[in-house]
PDB file of N, CA and C in Angstrom:
ATOM      1  N   MET A   1     162.544   3.008  25.354  1.00  0.00           N
ATOM      2  CA  MET A   1     161.330   3.289  26.086  1.00  0.00           C
ATOM      3  C   MET A   1     160.582   4.424  25.387  1.00  0.00           C
ATOM      4  N   GLU A   2     159.342   4.138  25.045  1.00  0.00           N
ATOM      5  CA  GLU A   2     158.524   5.138  24.340  1.00  0.00           C
ATOM      6  C   GLU A   2     157.657   5.865  25.362  1.00  0.00           C
ATOM      7  N   VAL A   3     157.602   7.166  25.225  1.00  0.00           N
ATOM      8  CA  VAL A   3     156.809   7.989  26.118  1.00  0.00           C
ATOM      9  C   VAL A   3     155.613   8.538  25.344  1.00  0.00           C
ATOM     10  N   GLU A   4     154.465   8.416  25.916  1.00  0.00           N
ATOM     11  CA  GLU A   4     153.228   8.934  25.284  1.00  0.00           C
ATOM     12  C   GLU A   4     153.243  10.455  25.318  1.00  0.00           C
ATOM     13  N   PRO A   5     153.022  11.107  24.159  1.00  0.00           N
ATOM     14  CA  PRO A   5     153.028  12.580  24.155  1.00  0.00           C
ATOM     15  C   PRO A   5     151.850  13.143  24.955  1.00  0.00           C
ATOM     16  N   ILE A   6     152.074  14.311  25.512  1.00  0.00           N
ATOM     17  CA  ILE A   6     151.033  14.978  26.272  1.00  0.00           C
ATOM     18  C   ILE A   6     150.097  15.652  25.286  1.00  0.00           C
ATOM     19  N   LYS A   7     148.828  15.363  25.388  1.00  0.00           N
ATOM     20  CA  LYS A   7     147.822  15.973  24.489  1.00  0.00           C
ATOM     21  C   LYS A   7     146.910  16.842  25.300  1.00  0.00           C
ATOM     22  N   LYS A   8     146.863  18.105  24.944  1.00  0.00           N
ATOM     23  CA  LYS A   8     146.005  19.061  25.619  1.00  0.00           C
ATOM     24  C   LYS A   8     145.129  19.738  24.591  1.00  0.00           C
ATOM     25  N   HIS A   9     143.910  20.037  24.966  1.00  0.00           N
ATOM     26  CA  HIS A   9     143.011  20.752  24.094  1.00  0.00           C
ATOM     27  C   HIS A   9     142.936  22.205  24.528  1.00  0.00           C
ATOM     28  N   VAL A  10     143.153  23.087  23.588  1.00  0.00           N
ATOM     29  CA  VAL A  10     143.019  24.535  23.879  1.00  0.00           C
ATOM     30  C   VAL A  10     141.944  25.055  22.952  1.00  0.00           C
ATOM     31  N   PRO A  11     140.962  25.757  23.511  1.00  0.00           N
ATOM     32  CA  PRO A  11     139.900  26.304  22.662  1.00  0.00           C
ATOM     33  C   PRO A  11     140.483  27.191  21.550  1.00  0.00           C
ATOM     34  N   TYR A  12     139.898  27.090  20.349  1.00  0.00           N
ATOM     35  CA  TYR A  12     140.400  27.811  19.189  1.00  0.00           C
ATOM     36  C   TYR A  12     140.510  29.317  19.448  1.00  0.00           C
ATOM     37  N   PHE A  13     139.464  29.909  20.007  1.00  0.00           N
ATOM     38  CA  PHE A  13     139.485  31.375  20.238  1.00  0.00           C
ATOM     39  C   PHE A  13     140.619  31.772  21.183  1.00  0.00           C
ATOM     40  N   LEU A  14     140.887  30.927  22.172  1.00  0.00           N
ATOM     41  CA  LEU A  14     141.965  31.227  23.112  1.00  0.00           C
ATOM     42  C   LEU A  14     143.344  31.133  22.439  1.00  0.00           C
ATOM     43  N   ALA A  15     143.540  30.132  21.604  1.00  0.00           N
ATOM     44  CA  ALA A  15     144.785  29.989  20.873  1.00  0.00           C
ATOM     45  C   ALA A  15     144.974  31.157  19.899  1.00  0.00           C
ATOM     46  N   TYR A  16     143.885  31.528  19.208  1.00  0.00           N
ATOM     47  CA  TYR A  16     143.983  32.632  18.252  1.00  0.00           C
ATOM     48  C   TYR A  16     144.267  33.956  18.975  1.00  0.00           C
ATOM     49  N   LEU A  17     143.586  34.194  20.083  1.00  0.00           N
ATOM     50  CA  LEU A  17     143.827  35.398  20.852  1.00  0.00           C
ATOM     51  C   LEU A  17     145.262  35.445  21.373  1.00  0.00           C
ATOM     52  N   SER A  18     145.762  34.312  21.832  1.00  0.00           N
ATOM     53  CA  SER A  18     147.143  34.232  22.304  1.00  0.00           C
ATOM     54  C   SER A  18     148.118  34.555  21.154  1.00  0.00           C
ATOM     55  N   ALA A  19     147.811  34.074  19.966  1.00  0.00           N
ATOM     56  CA  ALA A  19     148.675  34.342  18.789  1.00  0.00           C
ATOM     57  C   ALA A  19     148.677  35.844  18.459  1.00  0.00           C
ATOM     58  N   VAL A  20     147.498  36.465  18.553  1.00  0.00           N
ATOM     59  CA  VAL A  20     147.432  37.906  18.293  1.00  0.00           C
ATOM     60  C   VAL A  20     148.352  38.663  19.255  1.00  0.00           C
ATOM     61  N   PHE A  21     148.235  38.345  20.514  1.00  0.00           N
ATOM     62  CA  PHE A  21     149.098  39.015  21.523  1.00  0.00           C
ATOM     63  C   PHE A  21     150.568  38.677  21.320  1.00  0.00           C
ATOM     64  N   ALA A  22     150.873  37.429  20.983  1.00  0.00           N
ATOM     65  CA  ALA A  22     152.250  37.036  20.764  1.00  0.00           C
ATOM     66  C   ALA A  22     152.850  37.807  19.572  1.00  0.00           C
ATOM     67  N   GLU A  23     152.110  37.975  18.484  1.00  0.00           N
ATOM     68  CA  GLU A  23     152.585  38.696  17.344  1.00  0.00           C
ATOM     69  C   GLU A  23     152.746  40.185  17.659  1.00  0.00           C
ATOM     70  N   LYS A  24     151.822  40.712  18.407  1.00  0.00           N
ATOM     71  CA  LYS A  24     151.806  42.157  18.711  1.00  0.00           C
ATOM     72  C   LYS A  24     152.898  42.563  19.702  1.00  0.00           C
ATOM     73  N   PHE A  25     153.070  41.790  20.755  1.00  0.00           N
ATOM     74  CA  PHE A  25     153.906  42.234  21.859  1.00  0.00           C
ATOM     75  C   PHE A  25     155.250  41.516  22.005  1.00  0.00           C
ATOM     76  N   SER A  26     155.463  40.485  21.205  1.00  0.00           N
ATOM     77  CA  SER A  26     156.732  39.771  21.281  1.00  0.00           C
ATOM     78  C   SER A  26     157.837  40.561  20.600  1.00  0.00           C
ATOM     79  N   LYS A  27     158.961  40.681  21.255  1.00  0.00           N
ATOM     80  CA  LYS A  27     160.098  41.402  20.676  1.00  0.00           C
ATOM     81  C   LYS A  27     160.802  40.535  19.613  1.00  0.00           C
ATOM     82  N   ASN A  28     160.760  39.245  19.809  1.00  0.00           N
ATOM     83  CA  ASN A  28     161.329  38.311  18.832  1.00  0.00           C
ATOM     84  C   ASN A  28     160.188  37.709  18.020  1.00  0.00           C
ATOM     85  N   GLU A  29     160.537  37.058  16.930  1.00  0.00           N
ATOM     86  CA  GLU A  29     159.508  36.396  16.129  1.00  0.00           C
ATOM     87  C   GLU A  29     158.878  35.261  16.937  1.00  0.00           C
ATOM     88  N   SER A  30     157.589  35.298  17.069  1.00  0.00           N
ATOM     89  CA  SER A  30     156.864  34.294  17.846  1.00  0.00           C
ATOM     90  C   SER A  30     156.643  33.020  17.051  1.00  0.00           C
ATOM     91  N   SER A  31     156.731  31.891  17.737  1.00  0.00           N
ATOM     92  CA  SER A  31     156.441  30.629  17.068  1.00  0.00           C
ATOM     93  C   SER A  31     154.935  30.374  17.043  1.00  0.00           C
ATOM     94  N   LEU A  32     154.193  31.128  17.866  1.00  0.00           N
ATOM     95  CA  LEU A  32     152.720  31.023  17.825  1.00  0.00           C
ATOM     96  C   LEU A  32     152.207  32.165  16.997  1.00  0.00           C
ATOM     97  N   THR A  33     151.666  31.857  15.813  1.00  0.00           N
ATOM     98  CA  THR A  33     151.131  32.883  14.949  1.00  0.00           C
ATOM     99  C   THR A  33     149.673  32.583  14.593  1.00  0.00           C
ATOM    100  N   ARG A  34     148.980  33.599  14.118  1.00  0.00           N
ATOM    101  CA  ARG A  34     147.577  33.396  13.707  1.00  0.00           C
ATOM    102  C   ARG A  34     147.522  32.377  12.575  1.00  0.00           C
ATOM    103  N   PHE A  35     148.499  32.436  11.684  1.00  0.00           N
ATOM    104  CA  PHE A  35     148.515  31.481  10.546  1.00  0.00           C
ATOM    105  C   PHE A  35     148.622  30.078  11.034  1.00  0.00           C
ATOM    106  N   ARG A  36     149.487  29.833  12.020  1.00  0.00           N
ATOM    107  CA  ARG A  36     149.634  28.467  12.539  1.00  0.00           C
ATOM    108  C   ARG A  36     148.407  27.993  13.270  1.00  0.00           C
ATOM    109  N   VAL A  37     147.795  28.900  13.994  1.00  0.00           N
ATOM    110  CA  VAL A  37     146.536  28.516  14.701  1.00  0.00           C
ATOM    111  C   VAL A  37     145.467  28.138  13.697  1.00  0.00           C
ATOM    112  N   LYS A  38     145.359  28.924  12.598  1.00  0.00           N
ATOM    113  CA  LYS A  38     144.359  28.623  11.561  1.00  0.00           C
ATOM    114  C   LYS A  38     144.687  27.303  10.867  1.00  0.00           C
ATOM    115  N   THR A  39     145.968  27.085  10.601  1.00  0.00           N
ATOM    116  CA  THR A  39     146.372  25.859   9.885  1.00  0.00           C
ATOM    117  C   THR A  39     146.107  24.610  10.716  1.00  0.00           C
ATOM    118  N   PHE A  40     146.533  24.640  11.973  1.00  0.00           N
ATOM    119  CA  PHE A  40     146.371  23.449  12.815  1.00  0.00           C
ATOM    120  C   PHE A  40     145.013  23.351  13.478  1.00  0.00           C
ATOM    121  N   GLY A  41     144.224  24.406  13.402  1.00  0.00           N
ATOM    122  CA  GLY A  41     142.921  24.435  14.066  1.00  0.00           C
ATOM    123  C   GLY A  41     141.770  24.051  13.154  1.00  0.00           C
ATOM    124  N   THR A  42     142.052  23.670  11.912  1.00  0.00           N
ATOM    125  CA  THR A  42     140.982  23.315  10.993  1.00  0.00           C
ATOM    126  C   THR A  42     141.212  21.917  10.455  1.00  0.00           C
ATOM    127  N   ASN A  43     140.108  21.285  10.087  1.00  0.00           N
ATOM    128  CA  ASN A  43     140.169  19.936   9.556  1.00  0.00           C
ATOM    129  C   ASN A  43     140.413  19.992   8.054  1.00  0.00           C
ATOM    130  N   ARG A  44     141.363  19.260   7.562  1.00  0.00           N
ATOM    131  CA  ARG A  44     141.703  19.277   6.141  1.00  0.00           C
ATOM    132  C   ARG A  44     141.601  17.867   5.547  1.00  0.00           C
ATOM    133  N   LEU A  45     140.491  17.249   5.718  1.00  0.00           N
ATOM    134  CA  LEU A  45     140.275  15.898   5.183  1.00  0.00           C
ATOM    135  C   LEU A  45     139.832  16.017   3.746  1.00  0.00           C
ATOM    136  N   ILE A  46     140.541  15.285   2.874  1.00  0.00           N
ATOM    137  CA  ILE A  46     140.226  15.312   1.451  1.00  0.00           C
ATOM    138  C   ILE A  46     139.871  13.880   1.014  1.00  0.00           C
ATOM    139  N   SER A  47     138.789  13.791   0.258  1.00  0.00           N
ATOM    140  CA  SER A  47     138.339  12.491  -0.200  1.00  0.00           C
ATOM    141  C   SER A  47     137.826  12.562  -1.651  1.00  0.00           C
ATOM    142  N   ASN A  48     138.002  11.439  -2.346  1.00  0.00           N
ATOM    143  CA  ASN A  48     137.488  11.384  -3.720  1.00  0.00           C
ATOM    144  C   ASN A  48     136.216  10.541  -3.783  1.00  0.00           C
ATOM    145  N   LYS A  49     135.637  10.202  -2.653  1.00  0.00           N
ATOM    146  CA  LYS A  49     134.460   9.329  -2.620  1.00  0.00           C
ATOM    147  C   LYS A  49     133.254   9.914  -3.360  1.00  0.00           C
ATOM    148  N   LYS A  50     133.050  11.235  -3.218  1.00  0.00           N
ATOM    149  CA  LYS A  50     131.916  11.868  -3.892  1.00  0.00           C
ATOM    150  C   LYS A  50     132.076  11.807  -5.412  1.00  0.00           C
ATOM    151  N   ALA A  51     133.286  12.033  -5.911  1.00  0.00           N
ATOM    152  CA  ALA A  51     133.567  11.964  -7.347  1.00  0.00           C
ATOM    153  C   ALA A  51     133.405  10.548  -7.836  1.00  0.00           C
ATOM    154  N   MET A  52     133.802   9.575  -7.019  1.00  0.00           N
ATOM    155  CA  MET A  52     133.651   8.178  -7.407  1.00  0.00           C
ATOM    156  C   MET A  52     132.181   7.791  -7.499  1.00  0.00           C
ATOM    157  N   LYS A  53     131.383   8.253  -6.535  1.00  0.00           N
ATOM    158  CA  LYS A  53     129.977   7.908  -6.474  1.00  0.00           C
ATOM    159  C   LYS A  53     129.162   8.601  -7.544  1.00  0.00           C
ATOM    160  N   LYS A  54     129.342   9.924  -7.670  1.00  0.00           N
ATOM    161  CA  LYS A  54     128.492  10.684  -8.589  1.00  0.00           C
ATOM    162  C   LYS A  54     128.969  10.729 -10.029  1.00  0.00           C
ATOM    163  N   LEU A  55     130.301  10.683 -10.201  1.00  0.00           N
ATOM    164  CA  LEU A  55     130.853  10.812 -11.558  1.00  0.00           C
ATOM    165  C   LEU A  55     131.450   9.524 -12.100  1.00  0.00           C
ATOM    166  N   GLY A  56     131.531   8.503 -11.273  1.00  0.00           N
ATOM    167  CA  GLY A  56     132.144   7.255 -11.701  1.00  0.00           C
ATOM    168  C   GLY A  56     133.653   7.330 -11.794  1.00  0.00           C
ATOM    169  N   PHE A  57     134.261   8.274 -11.115  1.00  0.00           N
ATOM    170  CA  PHE A  57     135.717   8.470 -11.135  1.00  0.00           C
ATOM    171  C   PHE A  57     136.418   7.251 -10.570  1.00  0.00           C
ATOM    172  N   LYS A  58     137.510   6.823 -11.254  1.00  0.00           N
ATOM    173  CA  LYS A  58     138.334   5.748 -10.771  1.00  0.00           C
ATOM    174  C   LYS A  58     139.778   6.202 -10.843  1.00  0.00           C
ATOM    175  N   PRO A  59     140.485   6.236  -9.709  1.00  0.00           N
ATOM    176  CA  PRO A  59     141.874   6.678  -9.728  1.00  0.00           C
ATOM    177  C   PRO A  59     142.757   5.729 -10.543  1.00  0.00           C
ATOM    178  N   ASN A  60     143.789   6.278 -11.148  1.00  0.00           N
ATOM    179  CA  ASN A  60     144.716   5.460 -11.964  1.00  0.00           C
ATOM    180  C   ASN A  60     145.635   4.613 -11.102  1.00  0.00           C
ATOM    181  N   TYR A  61     145.908   5.050  -9.859  1.00  0.00           N
ATOM    182  CA  TYR A  61     146.828   4.357  -8.985  1.00  0.00           C
ATOM    183  C   TYR A  61     146.159   4.184  -7.611  1.00  0.00           C
ATOM    184  N   ASN A  62     146.613   3.184  -6.895  1.00  0.00           N
ATOM    185  CA  ASN A  62     146.145   3.051  -5.512  1.00  0.00           C
ATOM    186  C   ASN A  62     147.294   3.480  -4.598  1.00  0.00           C
ATOM    187  N   LEU A  63     147.004   3.717  -3.356  1.00  0.00           N
ATOM    188  CA  LEU A  63     147.977   4.226  -2.408  1.00  0.00           C
ATOM    189  C   LEU A  63     149.224   3.336  -2.306  1.00  0.00           C
ATOM    190  N   LYS A  64     149.031   2.044  -2.309  1.00  0.00           N
ATOM    191  CA  LYS A  64     150.143   1.111  -2.169  1.00  0.00           C
ATOM    192  C   LYS A  64     151.131   1.267  -3.336  1.00  0.00           C
ATOM    193  N   GLU A  65     150.579   1.352  -4.572  1.00  0.00           N
ATOM    194  CA  GLU A  65     151.450   1.527  -5.740  1.00  0.00           C
ATOM    195  C   GLU A  65     152.210   2.857  -5.698  1.00  0.00           C
ATOM    196  N   ILE A  66     151.552   3.910  -5.252  1.00  0.00           N
ATOM    197  CA  ILE A  66     152.170   5.230  -5.180  1.00  0.00           C
ATOM    198  C   ILE A  66     153.336   5.193  -4.201  1.00  0.00           C
ATOM    199  N   VAL A  67     153.105   4.630  -3.022  1.00  0.00           N
ATOM    200  CA  VAL A  67     154.163   4.561  -2.012  1.00  0.00           C
ATOM    201  C   VAL A  67     155.325   3.707  -2.487  1.00  0.00           C
ATOM    202  N   GLU A  68     155.055   2.587  -3.122  1.00  0.00           N
ATOM    203  CA  GLU A  68     156.086   1.743  -3.665  1.00  0.00           C
ATOM    204  C   GLU A  68     156.920   2.486  -4.715  1.00  0.00           C
ATOM    205  N   ASP A  69     156.251   3.217  -5.608  1.00  0.00           N
ATOM    206  CA  ASP A  69     156.953   4.007  -6.615  1.00  0.00           C
ATOM    207  C   ASP A  69     157.818   5.088  -5.983  1.00  0.00           C
ATOM    208  N   MET A  70     157.296   5.757  -4.969  1.00  0.00           N
ATOM    209  CA  MET A  70     158.044   6.809  -4.297  1.00  0.00           C
ATOM    210  C   MET A  70     159.280   6.265  -3.621  1.00  0.00           C
ATOM    211  N   VAL A  71     159.139   5.142  -2.946  1.00  0.00           N
ATOM    212  CA  VAL A  71     160.277   4.524  -2.241  1.00  0.00           C
ATOM    213  C   VAL A  71     161.326   4.080  -3.275  1.00  0.00           C
ATOM    214  N   SER A  72     160.874   3.475  -4.351  1.00  0.00           N
ATOM    215  CA  SER A  72     161.784   3.063  -5.415  1.00  0.00           C
ATOM    216  C   SER A  72     162.529   4.237  -6.004  1.00  0.00           C
ATOM    217  N   TRP A  73     161.815   5.318  -6.317  1.00  0.00           N
ATOM    218  CA  TRP A  73     162.432   6.508  -6.877  1.00  0.00           C
ATOM    219  C   TRP A  73     163.438   7.081  -5.857  1.00  0.00           C
ATOM    220  N   TYR A  74     163.059   7.159  -4.614  1.00  0.00           N
ATOM    221  CA  TYR A  74     163.962   7.715  -3.609  1.00  0.00           C
ATOM    222  C   TYR A  74     165.238   6.892  -3.496  1.00  0.00           C
ATOM    223  N   ASN A  75     165.104   5.583  -3.461  1.00  0.00           N
ATOM    224  CA  ASN A  75     166.279   4.720  -3.357  1.00  0.00           C
ATOM    225  C   ASN A  75     167.182   4.865  -4.580  1.00  0.00           C
ATOM    226  N   LYS A  76     166.650   5.086  -5.722  1.00  0.00           N
ATOM    227  CA  LYS A  76     167.440   5.265  -6.930  1.00  0.00           C
ATOM    228  C   LYS A  76     168.170   6.609  -6.981  1.00  0.00           C
ATOM    229  N   THR A  77     167.528   7.639  -6.438  1.00  0.00           N
ATOM    230  CA  THR A  77     168.051   8.988  -6.569  1.00  0.00           C
ATOM    231  C   THR A  77     168.881   9.494  -5.396  1.00  0.00           C
ATOM    232  N   LYS A  78     168.766   8.828  -4.244  1.00  0.00           N
ATOM    233  CA  LYS A  78     169.526   9.336  -3.058  1.00  0.00           C
ATOM    234  C   LYS A  78     171.012   9.123  -3.293  1.00  0.00           C
ATOM    235  N   LYS A  79     171.784  10.028  -2.745  1.00  0.00           N
ATOM    236  CA  LYS A  79     173.243   9.940  -2.924  1.00  0.00           C
ATOM    237  C   LYS A  79     173.945   9.870  -1.581  1.00  0.00           C
TER     238      LYS A  79
END
């Protein structure tokens, strides 16, 4: 039985402020840090479309080939 994860939105400033207080006042190392808020609170989408369009860039491999190579390598090297 699969359970749908609970998804909640917390405003960035509130999460960051909570992290500041957690770092400052927690006696143990907090799992909520400013670094984690910054990391998970920003969009990190990377694309090569602009290079393809403006520079004529063509990648040497496609995603399917890369994944197949990685799986093959993993299966050969795992012990």
